[in-house]
Amino acid sequence: MSGFLRGIARIRTSPVLRGSTIVQRANIASRPAKDALGPTETAVGLTLFSLAILGPAGWVLANLENYKKKDSASE
């Protein structure tokens, strides 16, 4: 079993030992955006994100009594 684990470790570390020709770089912007967002665009974006996150939860909470009635009727 220990030979099996050593084989797995050797396979995982072999690319490190060989040296990779691919250099991964993060896409980090070091400058501000070309066009600044206005207050209208910011408000619309925040509103849509809020609706996308809180909308389904609000729907379930608003209709909670209906869901309870359906569960008790099926039993």
PDB file of N, CA and C in Angstrom:
ATOM      1  N   MET A   1       0.819  -1.194   0.000  1.00  0.00           N
ATOM      2  CA  MET A   1       0.000   0.000   0.000  1.00  0.00           C
ATOM      3  C   MET A   1       0.858   1.251   0.000  1.00  0.00           C
ATOM      4  N   SER A   2       1.981   1.226   0.752  1.00  0.00           N
ATOM      5  CA  SER A   2       2.836   2.404   0.801  1.00  0.00           C
ATOM      6  C   SER A   2       3.472   2.665  -0.563  1.00  0.00           C
ATOM      7  N   GLY A   3       3.744   1.609  -1.340  1.00  0.00           N
ATOM      8  CA  GLY A   3       4.271   1.787  -2.691  1.00  0.00           C
ATOM      9  C   GLY A   3       3.267   2.482  -3.589  1.00  0.00           C
ATOM     10  N   PHE A   4       2.007   2.140  -3.400  1.00  0.00           N
ATOM     11  CA  PHE A   4       0.932   2.778  -4.166  1.00  0.00           C
ATOM     12  C   PHE A   4       0.870   4.266  -3.857  1.00  0.00           C
ATOM     13  N   LEU A   5       0.944   4.606  -2.568  1.00  0.00           N
ATOM     14  CA  LEU A   5       0.903   6.013  -2.182  1.00  0.00           C
ATOM     15  C   LEU A   5       2.127   6.774  -2.679  1.00  0.00           C
ATOM     16  N   ARG A   6       3.298   6.119  -2.659  1.00  0.00           N
ATOM     17  CA  ARG A   6       4.497   6.768  -3.195  1.00  0.00           C
ATOM     18  C   ARG A   6       4.361   7.015  -4.694  1.00  0.00           C
ATOM     19  N   GLY A   7       3.725   6.088  -5.389  1.00  0.00           N
ATOM     20  CA  GLY A   7       3.508   6.263  -6.829  1.00  0.00           C
ATOM     21  C   GLY A   7       2.609   7.441  -7.117  1.00  0.00           C
ATOM     22  N   ILE A   8       1.568   7.589  -6.323  1.00  0.00           N
ATOM     23  CA  ILE A   8       0.657   8.739  -6.496  1.00  0.00           C
ATOM     24  C   ILE A   8       1.390  10.039  -6.210  1.00  0.00           C
ATOM     25  N   ALA A   9       2.201  10.045  -5.150  1.00  0.00           N
ATOM     26  CA  ALA A   9       2.954  11.242  -4.810  1.00  0.00           C
ATOM     27  C   ALA A   9       3.950  11.581  -5.910  1.00  0.00           C
ATOM     28  N   ARG A  10       4.575  10.577  -6.514  1.00  0.00           N
ATOM     29  CA  ARG A  10       5.545  10.807  -7.580  1.00  0.00           C
ATOM     30  C   ARG A  10       4.856  11.388  -8.810  1.00  0.00           C
ATOM     31  N   ILE A  11       3.676  10.899  -9.131  1.00  0.00           N
ATOM     32  CA  ILE A  11       2.933  11.408 -10.287  1.00  0.00           C
ATOM     33  C   ILE A  11       2.540  12.864 -10.060  1.00  0.00           C
ATOM     34  N   ARG A  12       2.119  13.187  -8.849  1.00  0.00           N
ATOM     35  CA  ARG A  12       1.679  14.554  -8.561  1.00  0.00           C
ATOM     36  C   ARG A  12       2.843  15.539  -8.525  1.00  0.00           C
ATOM     37  N   THR A  13       4.014  15.110  -8.078  1.00  0.00           N
ATOM     38  CA  THR A  13       5.141  16.026  -7.961  1.00  0.00           C
ATOM     39  C   THR A  13       5.998  16.075  -9.216  1.00  0.00           C
ATOM     40  N   SER A  14       5.818  15.173 -10.161  1.00  0.00           N
ATOM     41  CA  SER A  14       6.677  15.151 -11.337  1.00  0.00           C
ATOM     42  C   SER A  14       6.599  16.424 -12.179  1.00  0.00           C
ATOM     43  N   PRO A  15       5.445  17.052 -12.398  1.00  0.00           N
ATOM     44  CA  PRO A  15       5.461  18.302 -13.157  1.00  0.00           C
ATOM     45  C   PRO A  15       6.265  19.397 -12.457  1.00  0.00           C
ATOM     46  N   VAL A  16       6.259  19.397 -11.135  1.00  0.00           N
ATOM     47  CA  VAL A  16       7.030  20.389 -10.384  1.00  0.00           C
ATOM     48  C   VAL A  16       8.519  20.160 -10.594  1.00  0.00           C
ATOM     49  N   LEU A  17       8.928  18.903 -10.587  1.00  0.00           N
ATOM     50  CA  LEU A  17      10.338  18.592 -10.741  1.00  0.00           C
ATOM     51  C   LEU A  17      10.838  18.862 -12.152  1.00  0.00           C
ATOM     52  N   ARG A  18       9.987  18.647 -13.151  1.00  0.00           N
ATOM     53  CA  ARG A  18      10.390  18.874 -14.539  1.00  0.00           C
ATOM     54  C   ARG A  18      10.483  20.354 -14.877  1.00  0.00           C
ATOM     55  N   GLY A  19       9.728  21.175 -14.209  1.00  0.00           N
ATOM     56  CA  GLY A  19       9.702  22.590 -14.534  1.00  0.00           C
ATOM     57  C   GLY A  19       8.645  22.846 -15.600  1.00  0.00           C
ATOM     58  N   SER A  20       7.746  23.698 -15.318  1.00  0.00           N
ATOM     59  CA  SER A  20       6.634  23.957 -16.223  1.00  0.00           C
ATOM     60  C   SER A  20       6.968  25.124 -17.132  1.00  0.00           C
ATOM     61  N   THR A  21       6.616  25.003 -18.395  1.00  0.00           N
ATOM     62  CA  THR A  21       6.847  26.098 -19.331  1.00  0.00           C
ATOM     63  C   THR A  21       5.680  27.064 -19.353  1.00  0.00           C
ATOM     64  N   ILE A  22       4.558  26.683 -18.746  1.00  0.00           N
ATOM     65  CA  ILE A  22       3.380  27.541 -18.702  1.00  0.00           C
ATOM     66  C   ILE A  22       3.435  28.374 -17.434  1.00  0.00           C
ATOM     67  N   VAL A  23       3.382  29.670 -17.598  1.00  0.00           N
ATOM     68  CA  VAL A  23       3.391  30.571 -16.455  1.00  0.00           C
ATOM     69  C   VAL A  23       1.986  31.131 -16.306  1.00  0.00           C
ATOM     70  N   GLN A  24       1.375  30.864 -15.174  1.00  0.00           N
ATOM     71  CA  GLN A  24       0.034  31.368 -14.943  1.00  0.00           C
ATOM     72  C   GLN A  24       0.115  32.746 -14.322  1.00  0.00           C
ATOM     73  N   ARG A  25      -0.688  33.658 -14.854  1.00  0.00           N
ATOM     74  CA  ARG A  25      -0.700  35.014 -14.328  1.00  0.00           C
ATOM     75  C   ARG A  25      -2.139  35.400 -14.041  1.00  0.00           C
ATOM     76  N   ALA A  26      -2.334  36.081 -12.960  1.00  0.00           N
ATOM     77  CA  ALA A  26      -3.669  36.555 -12.612  1.00  0.00           C
ATOM     78  C   ALA A  26      -3.965  37.826 -13.410  1.00  0.00           C
ATOM     79  N   ASN A  27      -5.223  37.989 -13.790  1.00  0.00           N
ATOM     80  CA  ASN A  27      -5.627  39.189 -14.522  1.00  0.00           C
ATOM     81  C   ASN A  27      -6.027  40.263 -13.528  1.00  0.00           C
ATOM     82  N   ILE A  28      -5.041  40.943 -12.998  1.00  0.00           N
ATOM     83  CA  ILE A  28      -5.293  41.996 -12.025  1.00  0.00           C
ATOM     84  C   ILE A  28      -5.025  43.339 -12.694  1.00  0.00           C
ATOM     85  N   ALA A  29      -6.002  44.211 -12.650  1.00  0.00           N
ATOM     86  CA  ALA A  29      -5.839  45.534 -13.249  1.00  0.00           C
ATOM     87  C   ALA A  29      -5.116  46.442 -12.267  1.00  0.00           C
ATOM     88  N   SER A  30      -4.106  47.119 -12.748  1.00  0.00           N
ATOM     89  CA  SER A  30      -3.357  48.011 -11.880  1.00  0.00           C
ATOM     90  C   SER A  30      -3.783  49.462 -12.056  1.00  0.00           C
ATOM     91  N   ARG A  31      -4.712  49.688 -12.975  1.00  0.00           N
ATOM     92  CA  ARG A  31      -5.195  51.044 -13.220  1.00  0.00           C
ATOM     93  C   ARG A  31      -6.698  51.093 -12.999  1.00  0.00           C
ATOM     94  N   PRO A  32      -7.253  52.281 -12.809  1.00  0.00           N
ATOM     95  CA  PRO A  32      -8.710  52.392 -12.699  1.00  0.00           C
ATOM     96  C   PRO A  32      -9.387  52.047 -14.031  1.00  0.00           C
ATOM     97  N   ALA A  33     -10.672  51.819 -13.982  1.00  0.00           N
ATOM     98  CA  ALA A  33     -11.424  51.491 -15.188  1.00  0.00           C
ATOM     99  C   ALA A  33     -11.378  52.645 -16.179  1.00  0.00           C
ATOM    100  N   LYS A  34     -11.503  52.312 -17.463  1.00  0.00           N
ATOM    101  CA  LYS A  34     -11.470  53.353 -18.497  1.00  0.00           C
ATOM    102  C   LYS A  34     -12.658  54.299 -18.358  1.00  0.00           C
ATOM    103  N   ASP A  35     -13.841  53.726 -18.151  1.00  0.00           N
ATOM    104  CA  ASP A  35     -15.061  54.522 -17.990  1.00  0.00           C
ATOM    105  C   ASP A  35     -15.613  54.286 -16.595  1.00  0.00           C
ATOM    106  N   ALA A  36     -15.771  55.343 -15.846  1.00  0.00           N
ATOM    107  CA  ALA A  36     -16.312  55.218 -14.490  1.00  0.00           C
ATOM    108  C   ALA A  36     -17.806  54.926 -14.551  1.00  0.00           C
ATOM    109  N   LEU A  37     -18.287  54.132 -13.598  1.00  0.00           N
ATOM    110  CA  LEU A  37     -19.718  53.849 -13.524  1.00  0.00           C
ATOM    111  C   LEU A  37     -20.433  55.021 -12.873  1.00  0.00           C
ATOM    112  N   GLY A  38     -21.570  55.360 -13.433  1.00  0.00           N
ATOM    113  CA  GLY A  38     -22.355  56.448 -12.880  1.00  0.00           C
ATOM    114  C   GLY A  38     -23.250  55.968 -11.763  1.00  0.00           C
ATOM    115  N   PRO A  39     -23.907  56.909 -11.074  1.00  0.00           N
ATOM    116  CA  PRO A  39     -24.793  56.512  -9.973  1.00  0.00           C
ATOM    117  C   PRO A  39     -25.995  55.689 -10.444  1.00  0.00           C
ATOM    118  N   THR A  40     -26.495  55.949 -11.646  1.00  0.00           N
ATOM    119  CA  THR A  40     -27.636  55.185 -12.156  1.00  0.00           C
ATOM    120  C   THR A  40     -27.243  53.728 -12.404  1.00  0.00           C
ATOM    121  N   GLU A  41     -26.093  53.528 -13.035  1.00  0.00           N
ATOM    122  CA  GLU A  41     -25.638  52.160 -13.302  1.00  0.00           C
ATOM    123  C   GLU A  41     -25.365  51.409 -12.012  1.00  0.00           C
ATOM    124  N   THR A  42     -24.811  52.097 -11.039  1.00  0.00           N
ATOM    125  CA  THR A  42     -24.537  51.479  -9.745  1.00  0.00           C
ATOM    126  C   THR A  42     -25.830  51.078  -9.058  1.00  0.00           C
ATOM    127  N   ALA A  43     -26.825  51.960  -9.063  1.00  0.00           N
ATOM    128  CA  ALA A  43     -28.110  51.677  -8.426  1.00  0.00           C
ATOM    129  C   ALA A  43     -28.813  50.506  -9.112  1.00  0.00           C
ATOM    130  N   VAL A  44     -28.783  50.476 -10.435  1.00  0.00           N
ATOM    131  CA  VAL A  44     -29.426  49.378 -11.172  1.00  0.00           C
ATOM    132  C   VAL A  44     -28.723  48.059 -10.861  1.00  0.00           C
ATOM    133  N   GLY A  45     -27.397  48.059 -10.837  1.00  0.00           N
ATOM    134  CA  GLY A  45     -26.653  46.842 -10.533  1.00  0.00           C
ATOM    135  C   GLY A  45     -26.937  46.329  -9.142  1.00  0.00           C
ATOM    136  N   LEU A  46     -26.919  47.215  -8.149  1.00  0.00           N
ATOM    137  CA  LEU A  46     -27.208  46.793  -6.777  1.00  0.00           C
ATOM    138  C   LEU A  46     -28.637  46.285  -6.627  1.00  0.00           C
ATOM    139  N   THR A  47     -29.573  46.932  -7.306  1.00  0.00           N
ATOM    140  CA  THR A  47     -30.969  46.498  -7.244  1.00  0.00           C
ATOM    141  C   THR A  47     -31.139  45.107  -7.839  1.00  0.00           C
ATOM    142  N   LEU A  48     -30.522  44.865  -8.991  1.00  0.00           N
ATOM    143  CA  LEU A  48     -30.659  43.552  -9.628  1.00  0.00           C
ATOM    144  C   LEU A  48     -30.000  42.449  -8.805  1.00  0.00           C
ATOM    145  N   PHE A  49     -28.831  42.726  -8.236  1.00  0.00           N
ATOM    146  CA  PHE A  49     -28.195  41.727  -7.376  1.00  0.00           C
ATOM    147  C   PHE A  49     -29.051  41.443  -6.150  1.00  0.00           C
ATOM    148  N   SER A  50     -29.608  42.483  -5.555  1.00  0.00           N
ATOM    149  CA  SER A  50     -30.454  42.287  -4.373  1.00  0.00           C
ATOM    150  C   SER A  50     -31.679  41.451  -4.714  1.00  0.00           C
ATOM    151  N   LEU A  51     -32.319  41.749  -5.842  1.00  0.00           N
ATOM    152  CA  LEU A  51     -33.497  40.972  -6.252  1.00  0.00           C
ATOM    153  C   LEU A  51     -33.130  39.520  -6.556  1.00  0.00           C
ATOM    154  N   ALA A  52     -31.981  39.323  -7.178  1.00  0.00           N
ATOM    155  CA  ALA A  52     -31.568  37.953  -7.524  1.00  0.00           C
ATOM    156  C   ALA A  52     -31.285  37.128  -6.275  1.00  0.00           C
ATOM    157  N   ILE A  53     -30.768  37.758  -5.244  1.00  0.00           N
ATOM    158  CA  ILE A  53     -30.422  37.020  -4.028  1.00  0.00           C
ATOM    159  C   ILE A  53     -31.597  36.937  -3.070  1.00  0.00           C
ATOM    160  N   LEU A  54     -32.261  38.051  -2.844  1.00  0.00           N
ATOM    161  CA  LEU A  54     -33.323  38.089  -1.845  1.00  0.00           C
ATOM    162  C   LEU A  54     -34.706  37.744  -2.402  1.00  0.00           C
ATOM    163  N   GLY A  55     -34.888  37.823  -3.702  1.00  0.00           N
ATOM    164  CA  GLY A  55     -36.193  37.556  -4.314  1.00  0.00           C
ATOM    165  C   GLY A  55     -36.734  36.165  -4.034  1.00  0.00           C
ATOM    166  N   PRO A  56     -35.982  35.104  -4.336  1.00  0.00           N
ATOM    167  CA  PRO A  56     -36.496  33.752  -4.074  1.00  0.00           C
ATOM    168  C   PRO A  56     -36.775  33.492  -2.594  1.00  0.00           C
ATOM    169  N   ALA A  57     -35.908  34.005  -1.720  1.00  0.00           N
ATOM    170  CA  ALA A  57     -36.143  33.806  -0.288  1.00  0.00           C
ATOM    171  C   ALA A  57     -37.397  34.540   0.152  1.00  0.00           C
ATOM    172  N   GLY A  58     -37.613  35.737  -0.350  1.00  0.00           N
ATOM    173  CA  GLY A  58     -38.827  36.490  -0.024  1.00  0.00           C
ATOM    174  C   GLY A  58     -40.076  35.796  -0.533  1.00  0.00           C
ATOM    175  N   TRP A  59     -39.984  35.202  -1.717  1.00  0.00           N
ATOM    176  CA  TRP A  59     -41.129  34.475  -2.283  1.00  0.00           C
ATOM    177  C   TRP A  59     -41.507  33.290  -1.395  1.00  0.00           C
ATOM    178  N   VAL A  60     -40.529  32.548  -0.965  1.00  0.00           N
ATOM    179  CA  VAL A  60     -40.802  31.389  -0.112  1.00  0.00           C
ATOM    180  C   VAL A  60     -41.403  31.843   1.214  1.00  0.00           C
ATOM    181  N   LEU A  61     -40.843  32.883   1.818  1.00  0.00           N
ATOM    182  CA  LEU A  61     -41.371  33.358   3.092  1.00  0.00           C
ATOM    183  C   LEU A  61     -42.778  33.932   2.945  1.00  0.00           C
ATOM    184  N   ALA A  62     -43.061  34.607   1.837  1.00  0.00           N
ATOM    185  CA  ALA A  62     -44.390  35.167   1.624  1.00  0.00           C
ATOM    186  C   ALA A  62     -45.438  34.079   1.402  1.00  0.00           C
ATOM    187  N   ASN A  63     -45.038  32.948   0.836  1.00  0.00           N
ATOM    188  CA  ASN A  63     -45.974  31.863   0.544  1.00  0.00           C
ATOM    189  C   ASN A  63     -45.792  30.662   1.458  1.00  0.00           C
ATOM    190  N   LEU A  64     -45.231  30.878   2.631  1.00  0.00           N
ATOM    191  CA  LEU A  64     -44.940  29.785   3.539  1.00  0.00           C
ATOM    192  C   LEU A  64     -46.199  29.046   3.985  1.00  0.00           C
ATOM    193  N   GLU A  65     -47.257  29.767   4.228  1.00  0.00           N
ATOM    194  CA  GLU A  65     -48.511  29.119   4.643  1.00  0.00           C
ATOM    195  C   GLU A  65     -49.071  28.229   3.538  1.00  0.00           C
ATOM    196  N   ASN A  66     -48.933  28.653   2.285  1.00  0.00           N
ATOM    197  CA  ASN A  66     -49.405  27.822   1.172  1.00  0.00           C
ATOM    198  C   ASN A  66     -48.608  26.521   1.086  1.00  0.00           C
ATOM    199  N   TYR A  67     -47.301  26.609   1.329  1.00  0.00           N
ATOM    200  CA  TYR A  67     -46.471  25.401   1.284  1.00  0.00           C
ATOM    201  C   TYR A  67     -46.841  24.455   2.427  1.00  0.00           C
ATOM    202  N   LYS A  68     -47.158  25.005   3.593  1.00  0.00           N
ATOM    203  CA  LYS A  68     -47.551  24.152   4.719  1.00  0.00           C
ATOM    204  C   LYS A  68     -48.854  23.432   4.431  1.00  0.00           C
ATOM    205  N   LYS A  69     -49.798  24.114   3.791  1.00  0.00           N
ATOM    206  CA  LYS A  69     -51.088  23.494   3.465  1.00  0.00           C
ATOM    207  C   LYS A  69     -50.917  22.355   2.465  1.00  0.00           C
ATOM    208  N   LYS A  70     -50.043  22.534   1.485  1.00  0.00           N
ATOM    209  CA  LYS A  70     -49.828  21.486   0.492  1.00  0.00           C
ATOM    210  C   LYS A  70     -49.208  20.242   1.125  1.00  0.00           C
ATOM    211  N   ASP A  71     -48.291  20.429   2.073  1.00  0.00           N
ATOM    212  CA  ASP A  71     -47.632  19.290   2.712  1.00  0.00           C
ATOM    213  C   ASP A  71     -48.621  18.499   3.563  1.00  0.00           C
ATOM    214  N   SER A  72     -49.483  19.168   4.308  1.00  0.00           N
ATOM    215  CA  SER A  72     -50.408  18.441   5.180  1.00  0.00           C
ATOM    216  C   SER A  72     -51.508  17.769   4.384  1.00  0.00           C
ATOM    217  N   ALA A  73     -51.869  18.280   3.206  1.00  0.00           N
ATOM    218  CA  ALA A  73     -52.924  17.665   2.401  1.00  0.00           C
ATOM    219  C   ALA A  73     -52.444  16.375   1.740  1.00  0.00           C
ATOM    220  N   SER A  74     -51.151  16.286   1.429  1.00  0.00           N
ATOM    221  CA  SER A  74     -50.649  15.110   0.740  1.00  0.00           C
ATOM    222  C   SER A  74     -50.465  13.911   1.697  1.00  0.00           C
ATOM    223  N   GLU A  75     -50.399  14.167   2.979  1.00  0.00           N
ATOM    224  CA  GLU A  75     -50.179  13.073   3.940  1.00  0.00           C
ATOM    225  C   GLU A  75     -51.411  12.362   4.294  1.00  0.00           C
TER     226      GLU A  75
END
